[in-house]
PDB file of N, CA and C in Angstrom:
ATOM      1  N   MET A   1     -98.495 -52.044 -79.288  1.00  0.00           N
ATOM      2  CA  MET A   1     -99.765 -52.085 -79.992  1.00  0.00           C
ATOM      3  C   MET A   1    -100.158 -53.521 -80.298  1.00  0.00           C
ATOM      4  N   ALA A   2    -101.447 -53.719 -80.452  1.00  0.00           N
ATOM      5  CA  ALA A   2    -101.959 -55.038 -80.799  1.00  0.00           C
ATOM      6  C   ALA A   2    -101.658 -55.345 -82.264  1.00  0.00           C
ATOM      7  N   THR A   3    -101.580 -56.623 -82.565  1.00  0.00           N
ATOM      8  CA  THR A   3    -101.365 -57.032 -83.945  1.00  0.00           C
ATOM      9  C   THR A   3    -102.527 -57.910 -84.388  1.00  0.00           C
ATOM     10  N   ILE A   4    -102.723 -57.979 -85.695  1.00  0.00           N
ATOM     11  CA  ILE A   4    -103.739 -58.848 -86.264  1.00  0.00           C
ATOM     12  C   ILE A   4    -103.100 -59.666 -87.376  1.00  0.00           C
ATOM     13  N   LYS A   5    -103.629 -60.859 -87.608  1.00  0.00           N
ATOM     14  CA  LYS A   5    -103.166 -61.698 -88.703  1.00  0.00           C
ATOM     15  C   LYS A   5    -104.181 -61.612 -89.825  1.00  0.00           C
ATOM     16  N   ILE A   6    -103.678 -61.414 -91.028  1.00  0.00           N
ATOM     17  CA  ILE A   6    -104.525 -61.260 -92.205  1.00  0.00           C
ATOM     18  C   ILE A   6    -104.158 -62.365 -93.192  1.00  0.00           C
ATOM     19  N   LYS A   7    -105.176 -63.058 -93.697  1.00  0.00           N
ATOM     20  CA  LYS A   7    -104.961 -64.134 -94.665  1.00  0.00           C
ATOM     21  C   LYS A   7    -105.653 -63.757 -95.965  1.00  0.00           C
ATOM     22  N   GLN A   8    -104.950 -63.967 -97.069  1.00  0.00           N
ATOM     23  CA  GLN A   8    -105.543 -63.703 -98.375  1.00  0.00           C
ATOM     24  C   GLN A   8    -106.343 -64.924 -98.792  1.00  0.00           C
ATOM     25  N   ILE A   9    -107.630 -64.719 -99.105  1.00  0.00           N
ATOM     26  CA  ILE A   9    -108.493 -65.828 -99.499  1.00  0.00           C
ATOM     27  C   ILE A   9    -109.012 -65.678-100.923  1.00  0.00           C
ATOM     28  N   GLY A  10    -108.718 -64.552-101.579  1.00  0.00           N
ATOM     29  CA  GLY A  10    -109.176 -64.316-102.943  1.00  0.00           C
ATOM     30  C   GLY A  10    -108.019 -63.964-103.857  1.00  0.00           C
ATOM     31  N   SER A  11    -108.183 -64.301-105.117  1.00  0.00           N
ATOM     32  CA  SER A  11    -107.131 -64.043-106.097  1.00  0.00           C
ATOM     33  C   SER A  11    -107.207 -62.616-106.630  1.00  0.00           C
ATOM     34  N   PRO A  12    -106.053 -61.982-106.860  1.00  0.00           N
ATOM     35  CA  PRO A  12    -106.052 -60.638-107.442  1.00  0.00           C
ATOM     36  C   PRO A  12    -106.233 -60.636-108.958  1.00  0.00           C
ATOM     37  N   ILE A  13    -106.347 -61.809-109.554  1.00  0.00           N
ATOM     38  CA  ILE A  13    -106.539 -61.879-111.009  1.00  0.00           C
ATOM     39  C   ILE A  13    -107.922 -61.325-111.358  1.00  0.00           C
ATOM     40  N   ARG A  14    -107.987 -60.508-112.402  1.00  0.00           N
ATOM     41  CA  ARG A  14    -109.207 -59.869-112.884  1.00  0.00           C
ATOM     42  C   ARG A  14    -109.832 -58.934-111.856  1.00  0.00           C
ATOM     43  N   ARG A  15    -109.002 -58.304-111.048  1.00  0.00           N
ATOM     44  CA  ARG A  15    -109.471 -57.306-110.078  1.00  0.00           C
ATOM     45  C   ARG A  15    -108.939 -55.940-110.509  1.00  0.00           C
ATOM     46  N   PRO A  16    -109.587 -54.878-110.083  1.00  0.00           N
ATOM     47  CA  PRO A  16    -109.089 -53.532-110.413  1.00  0.00           C
ATOM     48  C   PRO A  16    -107.687 -53.307-109.845  1.00  0.00           C
ATOM     49  N   GLU A  17    -106.951 -52.475-110.509  1.00  0.00           N
ATOM     50  CA  GLU A  17    -105.564 -52.188-110.117  1.00  0.00           C
ATOM     51  C   GLU A  17    -105.491 -51.637-108.698  1.00  0.00           C
ATOM     52  N   SER A  18    -106.474 -50.854-108.297  1.00  0.00           N
ATOM     53  CA  SER A  18    -106.456 -50.288-106.948  1.00  0.00           C
ATOM     54  C   SER A  18    -106.522 -51.382-105.886  1.00  0.00           C
ATOM     55  N   GLN A  19    -107.297 -52.443-106.134  1.00  0.00           N
ATOM     56  CA  GLN A  19    -107.380 -53.547-105.178  1.00  0.00           C
ATOM     57  C   GLN A  19    -106.066 -54.325-105.124  1.00  0.00           C
ATOM     58  N   LYS A  20    -105.422 -54.486-106.248  1.00  0.00           N
ATOM     59  CA  LYS A  20    -104.118 -55.162-106.270  1.00  0.00           C
ATOM     60  C   LYS A  20    -103.094 -54.370-105.458  1.00  0.00           C
ATOM     61  N   LYS A  21    -103.130 -53.040-105.583  1.00  0.00           N
ATOM     62  CA  LYS A  21    -102.183 -52.206-104.845  1.00  0.00           C
ATOM     63  C   LYS A  21    -102.439 -52.256-103.342  1.00  0.00           C
ATOM     64  N   ILE A  22    -103.701 -52.352-102.941  1.00  0.00           N
ATOM     65  CA  ILE A  22    -104.019 -52.472-101.522  1.00  0.00           C
ATOM     66  C   ILE A  22    -103.470 -53.790-100.981  1.00  0.00           C
ATOM     67  N   LEU A  23    -103.612 -54.872-101.750  1.00  0.00           N
ATOM     68  CA  LEU A  23    -103.067 -56.167-101.322  1.00  0.00           C
ATOM     69  C   LEU A  23    -101.552 -56.092-101.145  1.00  0.00           C
ATOM     70  N   ILE A  24    -100.880 -55.491-102.100  1.00  0.00           N
ATOM     71  CA  ILE A  24     -99.422 -55.366-102.022  1.00  0.00           C
ATOM     72  C   ILE A  24     -99.037 -54.508-100.817  1.00  0.00           C
ATOM     73  N   GLY A  25     -99.817 -53.461-100.563  1.00  0.00           N
ATOM     74  CA  GLY A  25     -99.557 -52.608 -99.411  1.00  0.00           C
ATOM     75  C   GLY A  25     -99.690 -53.351 -98.090  1.00  0.00           C
ATOM     76  N   LEU A  26    -100.587 -54.328 -98.058  1.00  0.00           N
ATOM     77  CA  LEU A  26    -100.744 -55.144 -96.858  1.00  0.00           C
ATOM     78  C   LEU A  26     -99.669 -56.217 -96.749  1.00  0.00           C
ATOM     79  N   GLY A  27     -98.908 -56.421 -97.821  1.00  0.00           N
ATOM     80  CA  GLY A  27     -97.874 -57.449 -97.812  1.00  0.00           C
ATOM     81  C   GLY A  27     -98.363 -58.775 -98.340  1.00  0.00           C
ATOM     82  N   LEU A  28     -99.482 -58.753 -99.040  1.00  0.00           N
ATOM     83  CA  LEU A  28    -100.045 -59.975 -99.610  1.00  0.00           C
ATOM     84  C   LEU A  28     -99.854 -59.960-101.118  1.00  0.00           C
ATOM     85  N   GLY A  29    -100.438 -60.917-101.805  1.00  0.00           N
ATOM     86  CA  GLY A  29    -100.319 -60.957-103.259  1.00  0.00           C
ATOM     87  C   GLY A  29    -100.437 -62.360-103.790  1.00  0.00           C
ATOM     88  N   LYS A  30    -100.234 -63.353-102.948  1.00  0.00           N
ATOM     89  CA  LYS A  30    -100.381 -64.750-103.349  1.00  0.00           C
ATOM     90  C   LYS A  30    -101.414 -65.412-102.445  1.00  0.00           C
ATOM     91  N   MET A  31    -102.130 -66.336-103.001  1.00  0.00           N
ATOM     92  CA  MET A  31    -103.204 -67.012-102.273  1.00  0.00           C
ATOM     93  C   MET A  31    -102.694 -67.674-100.996  1.00  0.00           C
ATOM     94  N   HIS A  32    -103.502 -67.610 -99.959  1.00  0.00           N
ATOM     95  CA  HIS A  32    -103.290 -68.276 -98.670  1.00  0.00           C
ATOM     96  C   HIS A  32    -102.067 -67.782 -97.907  1.00  0.00           C
ATOM     97  N   ARG A  33    -101.539 -66.653 -98.296  1.00  0.00           N
ATOM     98  CA  ARG A  33    -100.433 -66.062 -97.547  1.00  0.00           C
ATOM     99  C   ARG A  33    -100.988 -65.377 -96.303  1.00  0.00           C
ATOM    100  N   VAL A  34    -100.267 -65.493 -95.189  1.00  0.00           N
ATOM    101  CA  VAL A  34    -100.687 -64.884 -93.931  1.00  0.00           C
ATOM    102  C   VAL A  34     -99.618 -63.893 -93.496  1.00  0.00           C
ATOM    103  N   VAL A  35    -100.050 -62.689 -93.122  1.00  0.00           N
ATOM    104  CA  VAL A  35     -99.138 -61.667 -92.618  1.00  0.00           C
ATOM    105  C   VAL A  35     -99.658 -61.151 -91.290  1.00  0.00           C
ATOM    106  N   GLU A  36     -98.762 -60.631 -90.484  1.00  0.00           N
ATOM    107  CA  GLU A  36     -99.138 -60.049 -89.209  1.00  0.00           C
ATOM    108  C   GLU A  36     -98.824 -58.556 -89.262  1.00  0.00           C
ATOM    109  N   ARG A  37     -99.832 -57.732 -89.010  1.00  0.00           N
ATOM    110  CA  ARG A  37     -99.693 -56.284 -89.069  1.00  0.00           C
ATOM    111  C   ARG A  37    -100.193 -55.669 -87.768  1.00  0.00           C
ATOM    112  N   GLN A  38     -99.726 -54.469 -87.488  1.00  0.00           N
ATOM    113  CA  GLN A  38    -100.229 -53.748 -86.315  1.00  0.00           C
ATOM    114  C   GLN A  38    -101.670 -53.332 -86.573  1.00  0.00           C
ATOM    115  N   ASP A  39    -102.470 -53.374 -85.537  1.00  0.00           N
ATOM    116  CA  ASP A  39    -103.885 -53.051 -85.649  1.00  0.00           C
ATOM    117  C   ASP A  39    -104.065 -51.538 -85.609  1.00  0.00           C
ATOM    118  N   THR A  40    -104.002 -50.914 -86.777  1.00  0.00           N
ATOM    119  CA  THR A  40    -104.159 -49.469 -86.897  1.00  0.00           C
ATOM    120  C   THR A  40    -105.397 -49.169 -87.741  1.00  0.00           C
ATOM    121  N   PRO A  41    -105.912 -47.955 -87.665  1.00  0.00           N
ATOM    122  CA  PRO A  41    -107.069 -47.601 -88.502  1.00  0.00           C
ATOM    123  C   PRO A  41    -106.778 -47.731 -90.003  1.00  0.00           C
ATOM    124  N   GLU A  42    -105.537 -47.482 -90.405  1.00  0.00           N
ATOM    125  CA  GLU A  42    -105.182 -47.589 -91.819  1.00  0.00           C
ATOM    126  C   GLU A  42    -105.286 -49.032 -92.304  1.00  0.00           C
ATOM    127  N   VAL A  43    -104.783 -49.970 -91.497  1.00  0.00           N
ATOM    128  CA  VAL A  43    -104.842 -51.386 -91.862  1.00  0.00           C
ATOM    129  C   VAL A  43    -106.290 -51.856 -91.847  1.00  0.00           C
ATOM    130  N   ARG A  44    -107.060 -51.446 -90.852  1.00  0.00           N
ATOM    131  CA  ARG A  44    -108.478 -51.827 -90.783  1.00  0.00           C
ATOM    132  C   ARG A  44    -109.238 -51.285 -91.995  1.00  0.00           C
ATOM    133  N   GLY A  45    -108.901 -50.089 -92.449  1.00  0.00           N
ATOM    134  CA  GLY A  45    -109.539 -49.519 -93.627  1.00  0.00           C
ATOM    135  C   GLY A  45    -109.219 -50.297 -94.891  1.00  0.00           C
ATOM    136  N   ALA A  46    -107.963 -50.733 -95.016  1.00  0.00           N
ATOM    137  CA  ALA A  46    -107.563 -51.534 -96.176  1.00  0.00           C
ATOM    138  C   ALA A  46    -108.298 -52.870 -96.176  1.00  0.00           C
ATOM    139  N   ILE A  47    -108.455 -53.472 -95.006  1.00  0.00           N
ATOM    140  CA  ILE A  47    -109.175 -54.738 -94.894  1.00  0.00           C
ATOM    141  C   ILE A  47    -110.646 -54.529 -95.263  1.00  0.00           C
ATOM    142  N   ALA A  48    -111.217 -53.420 -94.849  1.00  0.00           N
ATOM    143  CA  ALA A  48    -112.623 -53.134 -95.144  1.00  0.00           C
ATOM    144  C   ALA A  48    -112.873 -52.951 -96.640  1.00  0.00           C
ATOM    145  N   LYS A  49    -111.852 -52.517 -97.382  1.00  0.00           N
ATOM    146  CA  LYS A  49    -112.012 -52.342 -98.823  1.00  0.00           C
ATOM    147  C   LYS A  49    -111.914 -53.668 -99.586  1.00  0.00           C
ATOM    148  N   LEU A  50    -111.399 -54.715 -98.945  1.00  0.00           N
ATOM    149  CA  LEU A  50    -111.223 -56.007 -99.609  1.00  0.00           C
ATOM    150  C   LEU A  50    -111.862 -57.158 -98.823  1.00  0.00           C
ATOM    151  N   PRO A  51    -113.113 -57.044 -98.405  1.00  0.00           N
ATOM    152  CA  PRO A  51    -113.693 -58.125 -97.600  1.00  0.00           C
ATOM    153  C   PRO A  51    -113.838 -59.431 -98.366  1.00  0.00           C
ATOM    154  N   HIS A  52    -113.857 -59.360 -99.702  1.00  0.00           N
ATOM    155  CA  HIS A  52    -113.992 -60.546-100.535  1.00  0.00           C
ATOM    156  C   HIS A  52    -112.647 -61.220-100.807  1.00  0.00           C
ATOM    157  N   MET A  53    -111.539 -60.569-100.419  1.00  0.00           N
ATOM    158  CA  MET A  53    -110.219 -61.119-100.723  1.00  0.00           C
ATOM    159  C   MET A  53    -109.360 -61.417 -99.502  1.00  0.00           C
ATOM    160  N   VAL A  54    -109.663 -60.823 -98.363  1.00  0.00           N
ATOM    161  CA  VAL A  54    -108.852 -61.054 -97.177  1.00  0.00           C
ATOM    162  C   VAL A  54    -109.750 -61.403 -95.983  1.00  0.00           C
ATOM    163  N   LYS A  55    -109.134 -62.068 -95.008  1.00  0.00           N
ATOM    164  CA  LYS A  55    -109.865 -62.461 -93.806  1.00  0.00           C
ATOM    165  C   LYS A  55    -108.936 -62.273 -92.614  1.00  0.00           C
ATOM    166  N   VAL A  56    -109.487 -61.743 -91.526  1.00  0.00           N
ATOM    167  CA  VAL A  56    -108.732 -61.607 -90.289  1.00  0.00           C
ATOM    168  C   VAL A  56    -108.864 -62.922 -89.535  1.00  0.00           C
ATOM    169  N   ILE A  57    -107.705 -63.512 -89.187  1.00  0.00           N
ATOM    170  CA  ILE A  57    -107.731 -64.791 -88.474  1.00  0.00           C
ATOM    171  C   ILE A  57    -107.206 -64.584 -87.062  1.00  0.00           C
ATOM    172  N   ASP A  58    -107.498 -65.520 -86.190  1.00  0.00           N
ATOM    173  CA  ASP A  58    -107.060 -65.421 -84.794  1.00  0.00           C
ATOM    174  C   ASP A  58    -105.624 -65.804 -84.633  1.00  0.00           C
TER     175      ASP A  58
END
């Protein structure tokens, strides 16, 4: 399967608990951290819920 790299660009401080849990589920939680995940509909959905906090990089 294809993989995508996800970078956290927003802070989880003063965000709803559900958004913090989505970040942790993606393996993020600290600013400017980059993780590589498989490109699945579940991961794409999590990214779509946090467009202000994460960015897909090449």
